[in-house]
Protein backbone atom coordinates (compact mmCIF):
# COMPACT_ATOMS: atom_id res chain seq x y z
CA MET A 1 0.00 0.00 0.00
CA ALA A 2 2.84 2.38 -0.74
CA ALA A 3 0.57 4.44 -2.97
CA THR A 4 -2.02 4.91 -0.24
CA HIS A 5 0.59 5.83 2.36
CA GLY A 6 2.17 8.29 -0.05
CA GLN A 7 -1.14 9.93 -0.86
CA THR A 8 -2.01 10.15 2.85
CA LEU A 9 1.31 11.85 3.63
CA GLY A 10 0.92 14.19 0.68
CA SER A 11 -2.61 15.14 1.73
CA LEU A 12 -1.53 15.92 5.27
CA LEU A 13 1.39 18.04 4.03
CA THR A 14 -0.95 19.91 1.70
CA LEU A 15 -3.38 20.58 4.53
CA LEU A 16 -0.57 21.71 6.84
CA LEU A 17 0.72 24.17 4.23
CA GLY A 18 -2.79 25.46 3.69
CA LEU A 19 -3.41 26.03 7.37
CA THR A 20 -0.07 27.79 7.69
CA ALA A 21 -0.76 30.08 4.74
CA GLY A 22 -4.33 30.77 5.84
CA LYS A 23 -5.80 29.59 2.54
CA PRO A 24 -8.41 26.81 2.51
CA PHE A 25 -7.03 23.42 1.54
CA ILE A 26 -8.46 19.91 1.50
CA SER A 27 -7.05 16.45 2.25
CA LEU A 28 -8.49 12.97 1.75
CA THR A 29 -7.16 9.83 3.44
CA GLY A 30 -8.23 6.19 3.28
CA PRO A 31 -7.37 2.89 4.96
CA SER A 32 -3.71 1.89 5.21
CA GLN A 33 -4.30 -1.67 3.95
CA ARG A 34 -6.16 -3.20 1.05
CA THR A 35 -9.53 -4.84 1.79
CA THR A 36 -11.50 -7.53 -0.02
CA PRO A 37 -14.97 -6.85 -1.51
CA GLY A 38 -17.87 -6.91 0.92
CA ASN A 39 -15.98 -5.17 3.74
CA PRO A 40 -16.59 -1.55 4.83
CA VAL A 41 -13.62 0.84 4.91
CA PRO A 42 -13.38 4.43 6.26
CA PHE A 43 -12.33 7.59 4.44
CA ASN A 44 -11.61 10.92 6.14
CA CYS A 45 -11.82 14.35 4.52
CA THR A 46 -10.41 17.44 6.24
CA ALA A 47 -10.77 21.01 4.93
CA GLY A 48 -10.00 24.48 6.27
CA PRO A 49 -9.40 27.05 7.51
CA PHE A 50 -12.67 29.00 7.08
CA SER A 51 -13.82 32.19 8.78
CA SER A 52 -17.24 30.70 9.57
CA TRP A 53 -18.75 27.28 9.99
CA ASP A 54 -21.40 27.58 7.26
CA PHE A 55 -19.74 25.07 4.91
CA ASN A 56 -21.11 21.92 3.35
CA VAL A 57 -19.37 18.55 2.80
CA THR A 58 -20.60 16.17 0.09
CA TRP A 59 -19.32 12.64 -0.58
CA MET A 60 -19.60 10.97 -3.99
CA LYS A 61 -18.88 7.37 -4.91
CA GLY A 62 -18.56 7.34 -8.67
CA GLY A 63 -21.42 9.59 -9.75
CA ASP A 64 -23.70 8.83 -6.78
CA GLU A 65 -23.89 10.76 -3.53
CA HIS A 66 -22.83 8.79 -0.46
CA PRO A 67 -23.99 9.71 3.07
CA ALA A 68 -21.37 10.70 5.64
CA SER A 69 -21.26 8.90 8.98
CA ALA A 70 -19.70 11.63 11.15
CA GLN A 71 -18.59 15.25 10.98
CA HIS A 72 -16.35 17.16 13.40
CA ILE A 73 -15.67 20.92 13.51
CA VAL A 74 -12.52 22.38 15.09
CA THR A 75 -11.75 26.03 15.92
CA ASN A 76 -8.14 27.24 16.10
CA ASP A 77 -6.67 30.04 18.22
CA LYS A 78 -7.36 32.59 15.44
CA GLY A 79 -11.08 31.84 15.42
CA ASN A 80 -10.97 29.97 12.10
CA TYR A 81 -12.85 26.75 11.48
CA SER A 82 -11.87 23.43 9.91
CA VAL A 83 -14.04 20.39 9.34
CA THR A 84 -13.34 16.65 9.27
CA SER A 85 -15.92 14.38 7.69
CA LYS A 86 -15.89 10.57 7.74
CA VAL A 87 -17.61 8.13 5.43
CA TRP A 88 -17.77 4.32 5.38
CA VAL A 89 -17.80 2.62 1.99
CA THR A 90 -18.60 -1.06 1.46
CA LEU A 91 -16.33 -2.19 -1.35
CA ALA A 92 -17.38 -4.23 -4.38
CA ARG A 93 -15.28 -5.81 -7.12
CA GLN A 94 -16.59 -3.38 -9.73
CA ASP A 95 -15.33 -0.45 -7.61
CA ILE A 96 -11.87 -0.84 -9.16
CA LEU A 97 -12.86 1.67 -11.84
CA LEU A 98 -14.58 4.08 -9.41
CA GLY A 99 -13.37 6.77 -7.03
CA ILE A 100 -14.52 8.34 -3.78
CA THR A 101 -14.74 12.15 -3.90
CA CYS A 102 -15.02 14.68 -1.08
CA GLU A 103 -16.37 18.12 -2.04
CA VAL A 104 -16.48 21.11 0.34
CA THR A 105 -18.37 24.33 -0.45
CA HIS A 106 -18.22 27.68 1.41
CA ARG A 107 -19.33 31.22 0.59
CA GLU A 108 -15.69 32.38 0.56
CA LEU A 109 -14.70 29.89 -2.14
CA GLU A 110 -14.96 30.75 -5.81
CA GLU A 111 -15.00 27.03 -6.61
CA PRO A 112 -15.65 24.04 -4.32
CA LEU A 113 -12.67 22.25 -2.81
CA ARG A 114 -12.58 18.75 -4.25
CA LYS A 115 -10.39 15.68 -3.64
CA THR A 116 -10.73 12.20 -5.19
CA MET A 117 -9.14 8.87 -4.31
CA ASN A 118 -9.33 5.85 -6.60
CA LEU A 119 -10.95 2.90 -4.82
CA SER A 120 -8.51 0.61 -6.62
CA GLN A 121 -5.88 1.86 -4.15
CA VAL A 122 -7.66 0.18 -1.23
CA LEU A 123 -9.23 -2.83 -2.95
CA GLN A 124 -7.91 -6.42 -2.99
CA VAL A 125 -9.70 -8.96 -5.19
CA VAL A 126 -8.73 -12.60 -4.59
CA PRO A 127 -8.32 -14.64 -7.80
CA THR A 128 -10.46 -17.60 -8.79
CA LEU A 129 -8.22 -20.55 -9.57
CA LYS A 130 -8.45 -23.75 -11.59
CA ILE A 131 -6.08 -26.18 -13.37
CA THR A 132 -6.70 -27.78 -16.75
CA ALA A 133 -4.72 -30.68 -18.27
CA LYS A 134 -3.93 -31.43 -21.91
CA THR A 135 -2.10 -34.58 -22.93
CA LEU A 136 0.73 -34.35 -25.45
CA GLY A 137 0.53 -37.93 -26.72
CA ILE A 138 4.16 -38.55 -25.76
CA HIS A 139 4.81 -41.81 -23.88
CA ILE A 140 8.08 -42.59 -22.13
CA HIS A 141 7.90 -46.07 -20.59
CA VAL A 142 5.13 -45.74 -17.98
CA HIS A 143 5.10 -41.92 -18.04
CA GLN A 144 2.99 -39.57 -20.10
CA ARG A 145 3.68 -35.87 -20.57
CA VAL A 146 0.88 -33.43 -19.83
CA ASN A 147 0.57 -29.67 -20.15
CA LEU A 148 -0.96 -28.25 -16.95
CA THR A 149 -2.39 -24.74 -17.16
CA CYS A 150 -3.15 -22.66 -14.09
CA HIS A 151 -5.98 -20.22 -14.73
CA ALA A 152 -6.13 -17.29 -12.28
CA GLY A 153 -9.13 -15.08 -12.98
CA HIS A 154 -10.38 -11.64 -11.94
CA PHE A 155 -7.86 -10.51 -9.33
CA TYR A 156 -6.47 -7.13 -8.27
CA PRO A 157 -3.83 -5.71 -8.03
CA SER A 158 -1.86 -7.26 -10.87
CA HIS A 159 1.28 -8.31 -9.00
CA LEU A 160 1.35 -11.83 -7.59
CA ARG A 161 3.62 -14.85 -7.21
CA LEU A 162 2.76 -18.23 -8.77
CA THR A 163 4.21 -21.54 -7.60
CA TRP A 164 3.81 -25.05 -9.01
CA MET A 165 3.93 -27.96 -6.55
CA GLU A 166 4.28 -31.70 -7.18
CA ASN A 167 3.41 -34.01 -4.29
CA ARG A 168 3.79 -31.00 -1.94
CA HIS A 169 7.28 -30.18 -3.21
CA LYS A 170 8.00 -26.87 -4.93
CA VAL A 171 9.08 -27.34 -8.56
CA GLN A 172 8.76 -23.85 -10.09
CA THR A 173 8.11 -20.28 -8.89
CA VAL A 174 7.26 -17.33 -11.13
CA GLU A 175 7.53 -13.97 -9.33
CA SER A 176 5.61 -11.76 -11.79
CA PRO A 177 3.80 -13.81 -14.45
CA GLN A 178 2.37 -12.00 -17.46
CA VAL A 179 -1.21 -10.86 -16.88
CA THR A 180 -4.11 -9.63 -19.01
CA ARG A 181 -6.35 -6.74 -17.97
CA ASN A 182 -10.11 -7.42 -18.03
CA PRO A 183 -12.81 -4.86 -18.97
CA ASP A 184 -13.85 -4.54 -15.28
CA GLY A 185 -10.33 -3.46 -14.28
CA THR A 186 -9.30 -6.81 -12.76
CA TYR A 187 -6.55 -9.05 -14.16
CA SER A 188 -6.33 -12.66 -15.34
CA LEU A 189 -3.48 -14.95 -16.27
CA GLU A 190 -2.75 -18.40 -17.66
CA HIS A 191 0.51 -20.17 -16.90
CA THR A 192 1.41 -23.53 -18.43
CA TRP A 193 3.86 -26.05 -17.02
CA GLN A 194 4.74 -29.50 -18.40
CA ALA A 195 4.31 -32.43 -16.02
CA GLU A 196 4.56 -36.21 -16.23
CA ALA A 197 1.76 -38.57 -15.25
CA THR A 198 2.78 -41.95 -13.85
CA LEU A 199 0.98 -45.19 -13.05
CA GLU A 200 1.30 -44.44 -9.34
CA GLY A 201 -0.28 -41.01 -9.77
CA SER A 202 0.94 -37.59 -8.63
CA GLU A 203 -0.75 -34.59 -7.07
CA PHE A 204 -0.03 -31.21 -8.63
CA ALA A 205 -0.97 -27.83 -7.21
CA CYS A 206 -0.87 -24.23 -8.36
CA TRP A 207 -0.36 -21.69 -5.56
CA VAL A 208 -0.96 -17.96 -6.02
CA VAL A 209 0.12 -15.39 -3.41
CA GLN A 210 -0.93 -11.71 -3.43
CA ASP A 211 1.10 -9.36 -1.22
CA GLU A 212 0.91 -10.68 2.35
CA GLN A 213 -2.41 -12.48 1.85
CA PRO A 214 -2.86 -16.23 2.50
CA PRO A 215 -2.17 -18.31 -0.64
CA VAL A 216 -4.95 -19.49 -2.94
CA GLN A 217 -4.50 -22.92 -4.47
CA ALA A 218 -5.98 -25.38 -6.95
CA ASN A 219 -5.12 -29.09 -7.07
CA ILE A 220 -5.21 -31.79 -9.71
CA THR A 221 -4.23 -35.48 -9.56
CA LEU A 222 -2.82 -37.17 -12.67
CA ARG A 223 -2.55 -40.91 -13.17
CA ALA A 224 -1.46 -42.76 -16.32
CA GLN A 225 -3.61 -45.83 -17.11
CA GLY A 226 -3.34 -48.61 -19.66
CA SER A 227 -5.67 -48.44 -22.65
CA ARG A 228 -8.09 -51.24 -23.56
CA SER A 229 -5.85 -52.52 -26.33
CA GLY A 230 -2.78 -52.40 -24.11
CA LYS A 231 -1.00 -50.19 -26.64
CA GLY A 232 0.18 -46.96 -25.08
CA ARG A 233 -1.31 -45.27 -22.07
CA SER A 234 -4.07 -42.70 -21.53
CA ILE A 235 -4.28 -39.87 -19.03
CA HIS A 236 -6.66 -39.96 -16.09
CA PRO A 237 -6.82 -36.41 -14.64
CA SER A 238 -8.80 -35.53 -11.51
CA SER A 239 -9.19 -32.48 -9.30
CA LEU A 240 -10.45 -31.68 -5.81
CA GLN A 241 -11.67 -28.14 -5.23
CA GLY A 242 -12.98 -26.19 -2.26
CA PRO A 243 -14.10 -22.60 -1.60
CA LEU A 244 -11.71 -19.68 -2.10
CA GLN A 245 -12.72 -17.90 1.12
CA ARG A 246 -12.59 -19.17 4.69
CA SER A 247 -15.89 -19.79 6.51
CA GLU A 248 -16.86 -19.62 10.17
CA PRO A 249 -18.11 -22.50 12.32
CA GLY A 250 -21.81 -23.14 11.93
CA THR A 251 -21.69 -22.82 8.14
CA SER A 252 -21.13 -25.45 5.46
CA ILE A 253 -18.65 -25.57 2.59
CA GLN A 254 -18.84 -27.46 -0.69
CA LEU A 255 -16.06 -29.77 -1.86
CA THR A 256 -16.02 -30.98 -5.47
CA TYR A 257 -14.26 -33.95 -7.05
CA MET A 258 -14.02 -34.14 -10.87
CA SER A 259 -12.35 -36.76 -13.01
CA SER A 260 -12.48 -38.22 -16.51
CA GLY A 261 -11.32 -41.17 -18.57
CA PHE A 262 -13.17 -44.00 -16.81
CA PRO A 263 -13.84 -46.95 -19.16
CA SER A 264 -17.32 -47.58 -17.67
CA ARG A 265 -19.94 -45.80 -15.60
CA HIS A 266 -19.42 -48.05 -12.55
CA VAL A 267 -17.81 -45.31 -10.45
CA THR A 268 -18.65 -44.61 -6.82
CA VAL A 269 -17.45 -41.68 -4.71
CA THR A 270 -17.68 -41.73 -0.91
CA TRP A 271 -17.05 -38.74 1.37
CA LEU A 272 -16.12 -39.30 5.01
CA LYS A 273 -15.53 -36.98 7.96
CA LYS A 274 -14.14 -38.46 11.16
CA ASN A 275 -14.72 -41.89 9.63
CA ARG A 276 -18.44 -41.20 9.18
CA GLU A 277 -20.06 -40.88 5.78
CA LEU A 278 -21.33 -37.36 5.05
CA PRO A 279 -25.04 -37.39 4.16
CA LYS A 280 -25.27 -34.45 1.76
CA GLN A 281 -23.33 -35.75 -1.25
CA GLN A 282 -24.23 -36.11 -4.93
CA THR A 283 -22.32 -37.99 -7.63
CA HIS A 284 -23.00 -37.83 -11.38
CA VAL A 285 -21.40 -40.08 -14.02
CA HIS A 286 -21.92 -39.21 -17.68
CA ALA A 287 -20.47 -40.23 -21.02
CA SER A 288 -17.90 -37.92 -22.57
CA GLY A 289 -18.35 -38.98 -26.21
CA ASP A 290 -15.06 -40.89 -26.63
CA ASP A 291 -16.18 -44.18 -25.04
CA THR A 292 -15.10 -42.95 -21.60
CA TYR A 293 -16.99 -41.50 -18.68
CA ASN A 294 -16.61 -38.39 -16.55
CA VAL A 295 -17.55 -38.16 -12.90
CA THR A 296 -18.46 -35.16 -10.76
CA SER A 297 -19.15 -35.48 -7.06
CA ARG A 298 -20.08 -32.75 -4.58
CA VAL A 299 -20.52 -32.78 -0.83
CA LEU A 300 -21.60 -30.24 1.79
CA VAL A 301 -19.34 -30.29 4.85
CA PRO A 302 -20.60 -28.64 8.06
CA LEU A 303 -17.84 -26.74 9.86
CA LEU A 304 -17.31 -26.81 13.62
CA ALA A 305 -14.96 -24.78 15.81
CA ASP A 306 -12.88 -27.90 16.55
CA ASP A 307 -12.45 -28.81 12.88
CA VAL A 308 -8.99 -27.22 12.64
CA LEU A 309 -7.43 -30.69 12.90
CA SER A 310 -10.20 -32.51 11.00
CA VAL A 311 -9.92 -34.00 7.53
CA VAL A 312 -12.45 -35.08 4.92
CA GLN A 313 -11.67 -38.30 3.07
CA CYS A 314 -12.62 -38.81 -0.56
CA HIS A 315 -12.71 -42.44 -1.75
CA VAL A 316 -13.16 -43.11 -5.48
CA SER A 317 -13.75 -46.67 -6.70
CA HIS A 318 -14.18 -48.13 -10.17
CA LYS A 319 -15.82 -51.56 -10.29
CA SER A 320 -15.21 -51.92 -6.54
CA MET A 321 -11.48 -51.20 -7.00
CA LEU A 322 -10.14 -48.15 -5.11
CA VAL A 323 -8.52 -45.75 -7.58
CA LEU A 324 -8.19 -42.67 -5.34
CA HIS A 325 -7.90 -42.02 -1.63
CA LYS A 326 -7.50 -38.35 -0.74
CA ASN A 327 -7.45 -36.48 2.59
CA ILE A 328 -8.59 -32.85 2.56
CA SER A 329 -7.58 -30.80 5.62
CA LEU A 330 -10.38 -28.48 6.75
CA ASP A 331 -8.03 -25.95 8.36
CA GLN A 332 -7.48 -24.29 4.96
CA TYR A 333 -11.19 -23.45 4.76
CA LEU A 334 -11.92 -22.61 8.42
CA LEU A 335 -12.06 -19.19 10.10
CA VAL A 336 -12.58 -19.26 13.88
CA PRO A 337 -13.04 -15.69 15.24
CA PRO A 338 -11.42 -15.04 18.62
CA THR A 339 -13.15 -14.42 21.92
CA VAL A 340 -11.71 -11.19 23.37
CA THR A 341 -11.88 -10.25 27.07
CA ALA A 342 -9.91 -7.85 29.26
CA SER A 343 -8.97 -8.09 32.95
CA GLN A 344 -7.07 -6.04 35.53
CA ALA A 345 -5.21 -6.68 38.76
CA SER A 346 -3.39 -4.40 41.20
CA PHE A 347 0.37 -4.62 40.98
CA SER A 348 1.28 -1.88 43.46
CA VAL A 349 -0.18 1.35 44.83
CA ASP A 350 0.44 3.18 41.55
CA LEU A 351 0.50 0.35 39.01
CA VAL A 352 -2.28 -1.78 37.61
CA ALA A 353 -1.68 -4.78 35.38
CA ILE A 354 -4.15 -5.02 32.49
CA THR A 355 -4.35 -8.06 30.23
CA CYS A 356 -6.18 -8.72 26.96
CA HIS A 357 -7.14 -12.38 26.53
CA VAL A 358 -7.58 -13.48 22.89
CA GLN A 359 -8.85 -17.05 22.93
CA ARG A 360 -9.61 -19.89 20.51
CA PHE A 361 -8.95 -18.35 17.10
CA TYR A 362 -7.71 -19.66 13.74
CA PRO A 363 -5.66 -18.94 11.62
CA GLN A 364 -2.82 -17.85 13.87
CA SER A 365 -2.19 -14.30 12.63
CA VAL A 366 -3.84 -11.50 14.68
CA HIS A 367 -3.05 -7.82 15.26
CA LEU A 368 -3.70 -6.44 18.75
CA THR A 369 -3.68 -2.81 19.95
CA TRP A 370 -4.48 -1.07 23.24
CA THR A 371 -6.21 2.32 23.03
CA GLU A 372 -7.47 4.98 25.42
CA ASN A 373 -9.74 7.73 24.12
CA CYS A 374 -8.98 6.56 20.56
CA HIS A 375 -5.23 6.97 21.10
CA THR A 376 -2.97 3.95 20.80
CA PHE A 377 -0.41 3.44 23.53
CA GLU A 378 2.70 1.34 23.16
CA GLY A 379 4.73 -0.82 25.50
CA ALA A 380 2.34 -3.72 25.98
CA GLU A 381 3.97 -7.11 26.33
CA GLN A 382 2.50 -9.30 23.58
CA LEU A 383 3.32 -12.94 24.09
CA THR A 384 3.63 -15.41 21.24
CA SER A 385 0.34 -17.15 20.51
CA LYS A 386 0.09 -20.71 21.78
CA GLN A 387 -1.68 -23.54 20.01
CA ASN A 388 -4.45 -25.30 21.91
CA SER A 389 -5.14 -29.02 21.81
CA ASP A 390 -7.95 -28.48 19.26
CA GLY A 391 -5.62 -26.62 16.85
CA THR A 392 -6.88 -23.11 17.63
CA TYR A 393 -4.64 -20.44 19.16
CA THR A 394 -4.64 -18.30 22.31
CA LEU A 395 -2.81 -15.00 22.89
CA GLU A 396 -2.42 -12.68 25.89
CA SER A 397 -1.15 -9.08 25.84
CA SER A 398 -0.25 -7.41 29.15
CA HIS A 399 0.53 -3.85 30.14
CA LEU A 400 1.34 -1.93 33.32
CA VAL A 401 -0.67 1.28 33.74
CA ASN A 402 0.34 4.09 36.12
CA VAL A 403 -2.74 5.29 38.02
CA SER A 404 -1.05 7.77 40.37
CA GLY A 405 -3.05 10.98 40.47
CA GLN A 406 -6.03 9.39 38.75
CA GLU A 407 -9.30 10.78 40.08
CA SER A 408 -11.93 9.54 37.62
CA GLU A 409 -12.53 6.30 35.80
CA ARG A 410 -10.58 5.55 32.62
CA VAL A 411 -11.80 3.37 29.75
CA LEU A 412 -9.16 1.23 28.05
CA THR A 413 -9.91 -0.78 24.92
CA CYS A 414 -8.24 -3.88 23.54
CA LYS A 415 -8.86 -4.14 19.78
CA VAL A 416 -8.07 -7.32 17.86
CA GLN A 417 -7.93 -7.56 14.06
CA HIS A 418 -8.20 -11.13 12.75
CA GLU A 419 -7.84 -11.87 9.02
CA ALA A 420 -9.97 -9.41 6.99
CA GLN A 421 -12.82 -9.45 9.51
CA PRO A 422 -14.15 -6.37 11.36
CA PRO A 423 -12.14 -5.73 14.55
CA ILE A 424 -13.29 -7.27 17.83
CA GLN A 425 -12.78 -5.25 20.99
CA ALA A 426 -13.15 -5.48 24.75
CA ASN A 427 -13.43 -2.45 27.07
CA LEU A 428 -11.97 -2.21 30.55
CA ILE A 429 -12.99 0.42 33.12
CA LEU A 430 -9.98 1.37 35.22
CA SER A 431 -11.20 2.60 38.60
CA ARG A 432 -8.68 3.44 41.31
CA ALA A 433 -11.20 2.57 44.03
CA ALA A 434 -11.27 -1.00 42.75
CA HIS A 435 -7.51 -1.53 43.06
CA GLY A 436 -6.16 -4.00 45.58
CA THR A 437 -3.55 -3.25 48.21
CA TYR A 438 -0.06 -4.52 48.82
CA LYS A 439 2.38 -4.45 51.74
CA PRO A 440 6.12 -5.03 51.81
CA MET A 441 7.62 -7.94 53.77
CA GLU A 442 10.91 -7.92 55.58
CA SER A 443 13.70 -8.03 53.03
CA LEU A 444 15.84 -11.15 52.65
CA GLY A 445 18.84 -8.99 51.64
CA PRO A 446 19.84 -5.35 51.34
CA GLN A 447 18.77 -5.16 47.67
CA MET A 448 16.14 -7.91 47.40
CA PRO A 449 12.82 -6.59 48.78
CA VAL A 450 9.90 -8.94 48.47
CA LEU A 451 6.41 -7.57 47.81
CA ILE A 452 3.29 -9.50 48.60
CA PHE A 453 0.13 -7.90 47.32
CA VAL A 454 -3.42 -8.93 48.24
CA ALA A 455 -5.92 -8.73 45.38
CA PHE A 456 -8.24 -10.85 43.37
CA LEU A 457 -6.26 -11.76 40.27
CA LEU A 458 -8.76 -11.97 37.42
CA GLY A 459 -7.68 -14.68 34.97
CA PHE A 460 -3.91 -14.24 35.65
CA LYS A 461 -1.51 -17.15 35.57
CA VAL A 462 1.13 -17.52 38.26
CA LEU A 463 3.99 -17.18 35.79
CA LEU A 464 2.57 -13.92 34.42
CA VAL A 465 2.29 -12.43 37.93
CA MET A 466 5.83 -13.50 38.78
CA SER A 467 7.03 -11.83 35.58
CA PHE A 468 5.41 -8.55 36.60
CA ILE A 469 6.97 -8.75 40.10
CA VAL A 470 10.47 -9.41 38.81
CA THR A 471 10.16 -6.60 36.24
CA TYR A 472 8.95 -4.12 38.84
CA ILE A 473 11.67 -5.01 41.39
CA CYS A 474 14.42 -4.77 38.78
CA ARG A 475 13.25 -1.37 37.58
CA ARG A 476 12.73 0.07 41.07
CA TRP A 477 16.05 -1.13 42.46
CA ASN A 478 18.04 -0.77 39.23
CA LEU A 479 18.97 -4.46 39.19
């Protein structure tokens, strides 16, 4: 997002120069990271200075007016006014060609102040992926050469990295493959790689990575089989596909198996989860026109919070003979949102230990911040997330807050960003009257005072409390 950061910095510099010179200027800033379609993102427009507050702010998305969500007026020491307006925009894939415009009118202005930001700067469109196979008719002993083509469709921005895998081993990586721009502003690409099908069968995968996003992949299994006449060998391609986006527990995902080249229609496909057959499955076998048969099988898999370690088994048999056994890990399709809580415990007369508990989430990556009155404060100890027995993760972030001189209650907020989901937060009211007490014990040495404090420790582990005590003693006594 270098472009967005650069535009944000430029807008702020422009506004600063305008305020210094006394002439009205306008700035427009957006989110610092790209977001996928369907998610709301904020934009902020600031304009000023003006001699009076009778100005009007209008937001436009494309050619349509968009309602603002908040507006704030500030007066400086010279009696001039500036305004900051905020708007939330829910992104769509077709917004790549659109812009968001902030327009400010005032009686002192000959023309309205206007600033536009292209929505393509904040939009991330994940590609759709599939692999197709084309045989070359070249036979080397029991091998047959096949051209595999990875089709990545309708993604944005254009830069990505493509990797071919064979039996989970990397065989080729292309940093910036050639792309084609689509009429809707997105990009597509096709990349072909030559593989060899064997009698034993091999699994091939195409992985595509955009920026720092999780990879998107498509799989295909190739197996060389003997022909009816015994002369030469024919290809038997198959693929297993799942959804491109992760889903939360309580929903269902669809898995699809497709294959071709069966000599008869006696093909059965069985889907199992935890060794139990899944009920919602459909299999269709149909003739392909070249005396072979194609098979397509689909199944709906219900997702649970403890499915991080679960697998779905796909068994394919032809005339009661097993021709494919495949395990599909559900962790690649599962999104378990965290449960976020906050707790506090007295550490000393002037210090309170606050902890944010982020529990049972998957995947592992989260971003945690502490704020007070919308201002982020640093210095919190963020421990490495730990994996639970069910495959989910737990994280705790702790911070010591100085409450000396505090008269009123303070509200602290722990905000957790997980994947591309809206942030989850927990508020904590810091009241000095609720703090525990502590008293010093007789020292065991001239520079080793021992503090024993009496308080109800809410959700704290013994090791965490000991860590706070050691840190405090070392800082106070310069150890």
